[in-house]
Amino acid sequence: MSVVPTVTNLKTDDPLSNQPQNESSAGDQLIGDLDAWVARQKAARQFAETAAKRRFVSEYMRRMNAPRFPAITTAGELLAYVVQQGNAMYERGDLENPFVLDGYRLHVYQQLAAYFSGDYTTFPCTLKPKRGILLVGGYGVGKTLAMRLFANNPVRSYRLVSSRSISEAFRLNGDVCEYKQKIANPCSTKFFGQLDLGLCIGDFGAERSDGKHYGSGFSVGDLLLDRYENNQLRGWTHAETNGSPADLMNAYGPRVNDRLFEMFNVVRFPEDTPSFRI
């Protein structure tokens, strides 16, 4: 006679029935450890983000409060700054030959450094601060380069504009009002933050002789007279030229020629100064 097995006699293969009683507590512990790890990672990330923000704000404030321009108070410091800018121009490829202050040019640069720094003790200088600079020299000796390098100075910065550009502006527009007054500095991070700029006329005396606008004639000498008659522009006008006094007399006439020596300190390169372009 066969025996029918009862439920109590059956064996089960369900693995869950064999797990220990404390399985649920171990799972809870694992979940708790995972939550703690996530919390630590979140706290570490927030700490890193806060530290990064503080570093950014600190660096931003440092840059905002740092001087935007070199602290130049002496002629020697300005001359060193100018030499640095000249070397930088050569490294950028703006100059074909290395920038060198040789015996022909050193005295000229020392005079300009004294004038544009206001320090007349470092280098002996007799230039008058209420007069502009008329830089005279032969072709290629570096007149334009010198005035370009000193344009950014701590006392009275200026824009360098060629006489041809001024004459062409009159021919096209019929006026050059922007050059009859102080020039507004368009960028506060340039020219030592000065609000107003002077004017340096490049290649003075070499502009077009046919600078006319609908029949109205003009010469850069006329602009020079306008600036001469404005007392607020005394010391704000500079020029550089290849021309001799006779050349300037022929170009502008006796009236302008007479005003030149009242407006300018004349600074000359030695006659035997070699060309920078050779």
Protein backbone atom coordinates (compact mmCIF):
# COMPACT_ATOMS: atom_id res chain seq x y z
CA MET A 1 0.00 0.00 0.00
CA SER A 2 1.51 3.31 -1.16
CA VAL A 3 1.93 6.22 1.22
CA VAL A 4 0.86 9.67 0.04
CA PRO A 5 3.39 12.25 1.23
CA THR A 6 2.05 15.05 3.29
CA VAL A 7 3.07 18.68 3.09
CA THR A 8 5.16 18.29 6.16
CA ASN A 9 7.14 15.55 4.50
CA LEU A 10 8.08 17.66 1.43
CA LYS A 11 11.54 19.28 1.17
CA THR A 12 11.78 22.69 -0.46
CA ASP A 13 14.59 24.02 -2.64
CA ASP A 14 13.73 27.75 -2.02
CA PRO A 15 17.03 29.44 -1.07
CA LEU A 16 15.24 32.18 0.82
CA SER A 17 14.10 29.71 3.35
CA ASN A 18 17.76 28.97 4.16
CA GLN A 19 18.91 32.66 4.70
CA PRO A 20 19.80 33.63 8.23
CA GLN A 21 17.41 35.69 10.27
CA ASN A 22 19.73 38.76 10.33
CA GLU A 23 19.82 39.23 6.49
CA SER A 24 17.50 42.22 6.59
CA SER A 25 19.63 44.00 9.17
CA ALA A 26 22.78 43.52 7.02
CA GLY A 27 20.98 45.07 4.02
CA ASP A 28 19.91 48.01 6.11
CA GLN A 29 23.52 48.49 7.21
CA LEU A 30 24.71 48.43 3.58
CA ILE A 31 22.13 51.01 2.57
CA GLY A 32 23.13 53.18 5.51
CA ASP A 33 26.80 53.00 4.54
CA LEU A 34 25.93 53.94 0.96
CA ASP A 35 23.87 56.92 2.10
CA ALA A 36 26.74 58.07 4.31
CA TRP A 37 29.21 57.76 1.41
CA VAL A 38 26.93 59.78 -0.87
CA ALA A 39 26.57 62.43 1.82
CA ARG A 40 30.34 62.63 2.25
CA GLN A 41 30.86 62.96 -1.50
CA LYS A 42 28.24 65.69 -1.69
CA ALA A 43 29.84 67.58 1.19
CA ALA A 44 33.29 67.26 -0.39
CA ARG A 45 31.98 68.55 -3.71
CA GLN A 46 30.27 71.51 -2.04
CA PHE A 47 33.46 72.27 -0.12
CA ALA A 48 35.53 72.15 -3.34
CA GLU A 49 33.05 74.40 -5.17
CA THR A 50 33.04 76.90 -2.30
CA ALA A 51 36.85 76.92 -2.19
CA ALA A 52 37.01 77.42 -5.97
CA LYS A 53 34.58 80.35 -5.76
CA ARG A 54 36.63 81.93 -3.00
CA ARG A 55 39.82 81.55 -5.05
CA PHE A 56 38.09 83.09 -8.08
CA VAL A 57 36.79 86.05 -6.07
CA SER A 58 40.19 86.51 -4.42
CA GLU A 59 42.01 86.50 -7.78
CA TYR A 60 39.40 88.81 -9.32
CA MET A 61 39.75 91.32 -6.49
CA ARG A 62 43.54 91.08 -6.67
CA ARG A 63 43.50 91.91 -10.36
CA MET A 64 40.96 94.69 -9.92
CA ASN A 65 42.98 96.30 -7.14
CA ALA A 66 46.37 95.78 -8.75
CA PRO A 67 47.92 98.79 -10.54
CA ARG A 68 47.06 98.68 -14.23
CA PHE A 69 50.16 100.59 -15.18
CA PRO A 70 53.76 100.44 -14.03
CA ALA A 71 54.61 102.79 -11.19
CA ILE A 72 56.87 105.25 -12.98
CA THR A 73 58.09 108.31 -11.11
CA THR A 74 61.60 108.89 -12.46
CA ALA A 75 63.14 109.41 -15.87
CA GLY A 76 65.23 106.28 -15.38
CA GLU A 77 62.13 104.17 -14.79
CA LEU A 78 60.42 105.61 -17.86
CA LEU A 79 63.51 104.98 -19.99
CA ALA A 80 63.65 101.36 -18.78
CA TYR A 81 59.93 100.99 -19.62
CA VAL A 82 60.48 102.42 -23.11
CA VAL A 83 63.39 100.04 -23.75
CA GLN A 84 61.20 97.15 -22.64
CA GLN A 85 58.48 98.23 -25.08
CA GLY A 86 61.05 98.57 -27.87
CA ASN A 87 62.31 95.03 -27.27
CA ALA A 88 58.73 93.76 -27.22
CA MET A 89 58.09 95.39 -30.61
CA TYR A 90 61.08 93.55 -32.06
CA GLU A 91 59.92 90.24 -30.58
CA ARG A 92 56.46 90.75 -32.12
CA GLY A 93 58.01 91.42 -35.50
CA ASP A 94 57.11 95.12 -35.57
CA LEU A 95 60.80 96.01 -35.98
CA GLU A 96 63.11 94.45 -38.54
CA ASN A 97 66.22 95.03 -36.45
CA PRO A 98 66.76 94.69 -32.68
CA PHE A 99 65.95 97.77 -30.63
CA VAL A 100 69.24 99.29 -29.46
CA LEU A 101 69.97 102.62 -27.78
CA ASP A 102 73.40 103.43 -29.13
CA GLY A 103 75.51 106.52 -28.54
CA TYR A 104 73.65 108.43 -31.25
CA ARG A 105 70.21 107.94 -29.70
CA LEU A 106 70.77 107.57 -25.97
CA HIS A 107 70.93 111.31 -25.23
CA VAL A 108 67.73 111.96 -27.21
CA TYR A 109 65.89 109.22 -25.29
CA GLN A 110 67.19 110.54 -21.98
CA GLN A 111 65.85 114.01 -22.81
CA LEU A 112 62.46 112.59 -23.75
CA ALA A 113 62.38 110.40 -20.64
CA ALA A 114 63.02 113.44 -18.45
CA TYR A 115 60.35 115.50 -20.23
CA PHE A 116 57.62 112.84 -20.26
CA SER A 117 58.25 111.72 -16.67
CA GLY A 118 58.54 115.21 -15.18
CA ASP A 119 61.82 114.18 -13.53
CA TYR A 120 64.55 116.62 -14.49
CA THR A 121 67.11 115.37 -11.97
CA THR A 122 68.02 111.89 -13.22
CA PHE A 123 69.18 113.17 -16.60
CA PRO A 124 70.22 116.82 -17.07
CA CYS A 125 67.45 118.44 -19.09
CA THR A 126 66.52 122.00 -20.04
CA LEU A 127 63.28 121.23 -21.91
CA LYS A 128 60.33 123.40 -20.90
CA PRO A 129 57.23 121.44 -19.81
CA LYS A 130 54.80 124.05 -21.20
CA ARG A 131 56.18 123.52 -24.70
CA GLY A 132 55.74 120.45 -26.84
CA ILE A 133 58.48 118.39 -28.48
CA LEU A 134 59.69 118.95 -32.05
CA LEU A 135 61.91 115.96 -32.81
CA VAL A 136 64.22 116.60 -35.76
CA GLY A 137 66.48 114.14 -37.56
CA GLY A 138 67.40 112.54 -40.86
CA TYR A 139 65.55 109.78 -42.66
CA GLY A 140 65.38 106.46 -40.85
CA VAL A 141 67.04 107.54 -37.61
CA GLY A 142 64.00 106.52 -35.54
CA LYS A 143 62.02 109.72 -34.95
CA THR A 144 58.63 108.10 -35.40
CA LEU A 145 59.70 105.09 -33.35
CA ALA A 146 60.84 107.30 -30.49
CA MET A 147 57.59 109.28 -30.42
CA ARG A 148 55.62 106.07 -30.69
CA LEU A 149 57.44 104.57 -27.70
CA PHE A 150 56.95 107.67 -25.54
CA ALA A 151 53.28 108.14 -26.51
CA ASN A 152 52.25 106.07 -23.47
CA ASN A 153 53.75 108.01 -20.57
CA PRO A 154 52.73 108.85 -16.99
CA VAL A 155 52.60 112.64 -17.41
CA ARG A 156 50.86 113.53 -20.68
CA SER A 157 50.20 110.78 -23.19
CA TYR A 158 49.35 111.52 -26.80
CA ARG A 159 48.24 110.04 -30.10
CA LEU A 160 50.66 109.86 -33.00
CA VAL A 161 48.98 110.81 -36.29
CA SER A 162 50.82 111.37 -39.55
CA SER A 163 50.49 114.71 -41.32
CA ARG A 164 49.31 112.83 -44.42
CA SER A 165 46.44 111.28 -42.45
CA ILE A 166 45.41 114.68 -41.12
CA SER A 167 45.53 116.23 -44.59
CA GLU A 168 43.56 113.32 -46.03
CA ALA A 169 40.93 113.67 -43.29
CA PHE A 170 40.40 117.29 -44.31
CA ARG A 171 40.21 116.38 -47.99
CA LEU A 172 37.49 113.82 -47.27
CA ASN A 173 35.53 115.55 -44.50
CA GLY A 174 36.27 119.25 -44.87
CA ASP A 175 37.41 119.63 -41.28
CA VAL A 176 39.75 118.22 -38.66
CA CYS A 177 37.91 119.29 -35.51
CA GLU A 178 38.99 116.21 -33.60
CA TYR A 179 42.61 117.40 -33.84
CA LYS A 180 41.89 120.98 -32.75
CA GLN A 181 41.29 119.96 -29.14
CA LYS A 182 42.41 117.45 -26.58
CA ILE A 183 41.70 113.92 -27.72
CA ALA A 184 39.49 111.79 -25.46
CA ASN A 185 41.10 108.55 -24.32
CA PRO A 186 38.79 105.80 -25.64
CA CYS A 187 40.07 103.14 -23.24
CA SER A 188 40.70 103.58 -19.51
CA THR A 189 43.20 100.71 -19.49
CA LYS A 190 45.56 102.53 -21.86
CA PHE A 191 47.70 105.66 -21.62
CA PHE A 192 48.00 105.34 -17.82
CA GLY A 193 44.25 105.94 -17.48
CA GLN A 194 44.50 109.60 -18.49
CA LEU A 195 41.22 111.12 -19.68
CA ASP A 196 42.70 113.43 -22.32
CA LEU A 197 45.49 112.90 -24.82
CA GLY A 198 47.74 115.25 -26.72
CA LEU A 199 48.62 115.09 -30.41
CA CYS A 200 51.91 114.28 -32.10
CA ILE A 201 52.06 115.09 -35.82
CA GLY A 202 54.21 112.57 -37.63
CA ASP A 203 56.24 113.48 -40.73
CA PHE A 204 55.50 117.14 -40.14
CA GLY A 205 55.92 119.05 -43.40
CA ALA A 206 55.54 116.00 -45.65
CA GLU A 207 51.76 116.01 -46.15
CA ARG A 208 50.03 116.45 -49.50
CA SER A 209 50.14 119.96 -50.88
CA ASP A 210 46.73 119.51 -52.54
CA GLY A 211 44.74 118.90 -49.37
CA LYS A 212 41.51 120.57 -50.48
CA HIS A 213 37.85 119.96 -49.83
CA TYR A 214 35.55 121.42 -52.50
CA GLY A 215 38.12 124.11 -53.23
CA SER A 216 38.87 124.96 -49.60
CA GLY A 217 42.57 124.71 -48.93
CA PHE A 218 44.21 123.34 -45.81
CA SER A 219 47.68 122.67 -44.45
CA VAL A 220 48.81 121.07 -41.24
CA GLY A 221 50.36 124.44 -40.46
CA ASP A 222 46.81 125.81 -40.12
CA LEU A 223 46.08 123.14 -37.52
CA LEU A 224 49.28 124.04 -35.73
CA LEU A 225 48.21 127.70 -35.51
CA ASP A 226 44.79 126.69 -34.15
CA ARG A 227 46.43 124.66 -31.41
CA TYR A 228 48.93 127.45 -30.72
CA GLU A 229 46.14 129.96 -30.14
CA ASN A 230 44.41 127.63 -27.66
CA ASN A 231 46.22 128.15 -24.35
CA GLN A 232 44.78 124.90 -22.99
CA LEU A 233 46.82 122.99 -25.56
CA ARG A 234 50.19 124.38 -24.54
CA GLY A 235 52.44 121.38 -24.06
CA TRP A 236 49.86 119.06 -25.64
CA THR A 237 51.21 119.34 -29.20
CA HIS A 238 54.27 117.51 -30.54
CA ALA A 239 55.72 116.82 -33.97
CA GLU A 240 58.57 115.00 -35.66
CA THR A 241 60.11 116.02 -38.96
CA ASN A 242 62.88 115.39 -41.47
CA GLY A 243 62.69 118.98 -42.62
CA SER A 244 65.16 121.73 -41.92
CA PRO A 245 63.95 125.17 -40.76
CA ALA A 246 64.17 126.30 -44.40
CA ASP A 247 62.02 123.35 -45.51
CA LEU A 248 59.36 124.15 -42.92
CA MET A 249 59.47 127.82 -43.88
CA ASN A 250 58.81 126.88 -47.50
CA ALA A 251 56.04 124.46 -46.53
CA TYR A 252 54.09 126.67 -44.12
CA GLY A 253 55.34 130.23 -44.46
CA PRO A 254 56.97 132.62 -41.99
CA ARG A 255 54.02 132.90 -39.60
CA VAL A 256 53.92 129.19 -38.81
CA ASN A 257 57.69 128.97 -38.78
CA ASP A 258 57.85 131.75 -36.20
CA ARG A 259 55.34 129.96 -33.94
CA LEU A 260 57.31 126.71 -34.04
CA PHE A 261 59.98 127.92 -31.67
CA GLU A 262 57.37 129.30 -29.27
CA MET A 263 55.41 126.04 -29.23
CA PHE A 264 58.18 123.47 -29.19
CA ASN A 265 61.31 122.31 -27.47
CA VAL A 266 63.53 121.32 -30.39
CA VAL A 267 65.28 117.97 -29.85
CA ARG A 268 67.71 116.88 -32.56
CA PHE A 269 69.31 113.60 -33.45
CA PRO A 270 73.00 114.03 -34.32
CA GLU A 271 73.50 114.65 -38.03
CA ASP A 272 75.63 111.52 -38.40
CA THR A 273 73.07 109.21 -36.75
CA PRO A 274 72.88 106.02 -38.87
CA SER A 275 69.56 104.75 -40.17
CA PHE A 276 67.66 102.12 -38.19
CA ARG A 277 66.62 100.57 -41.49
CA ILE A 278 70.08 99.51 -42.60
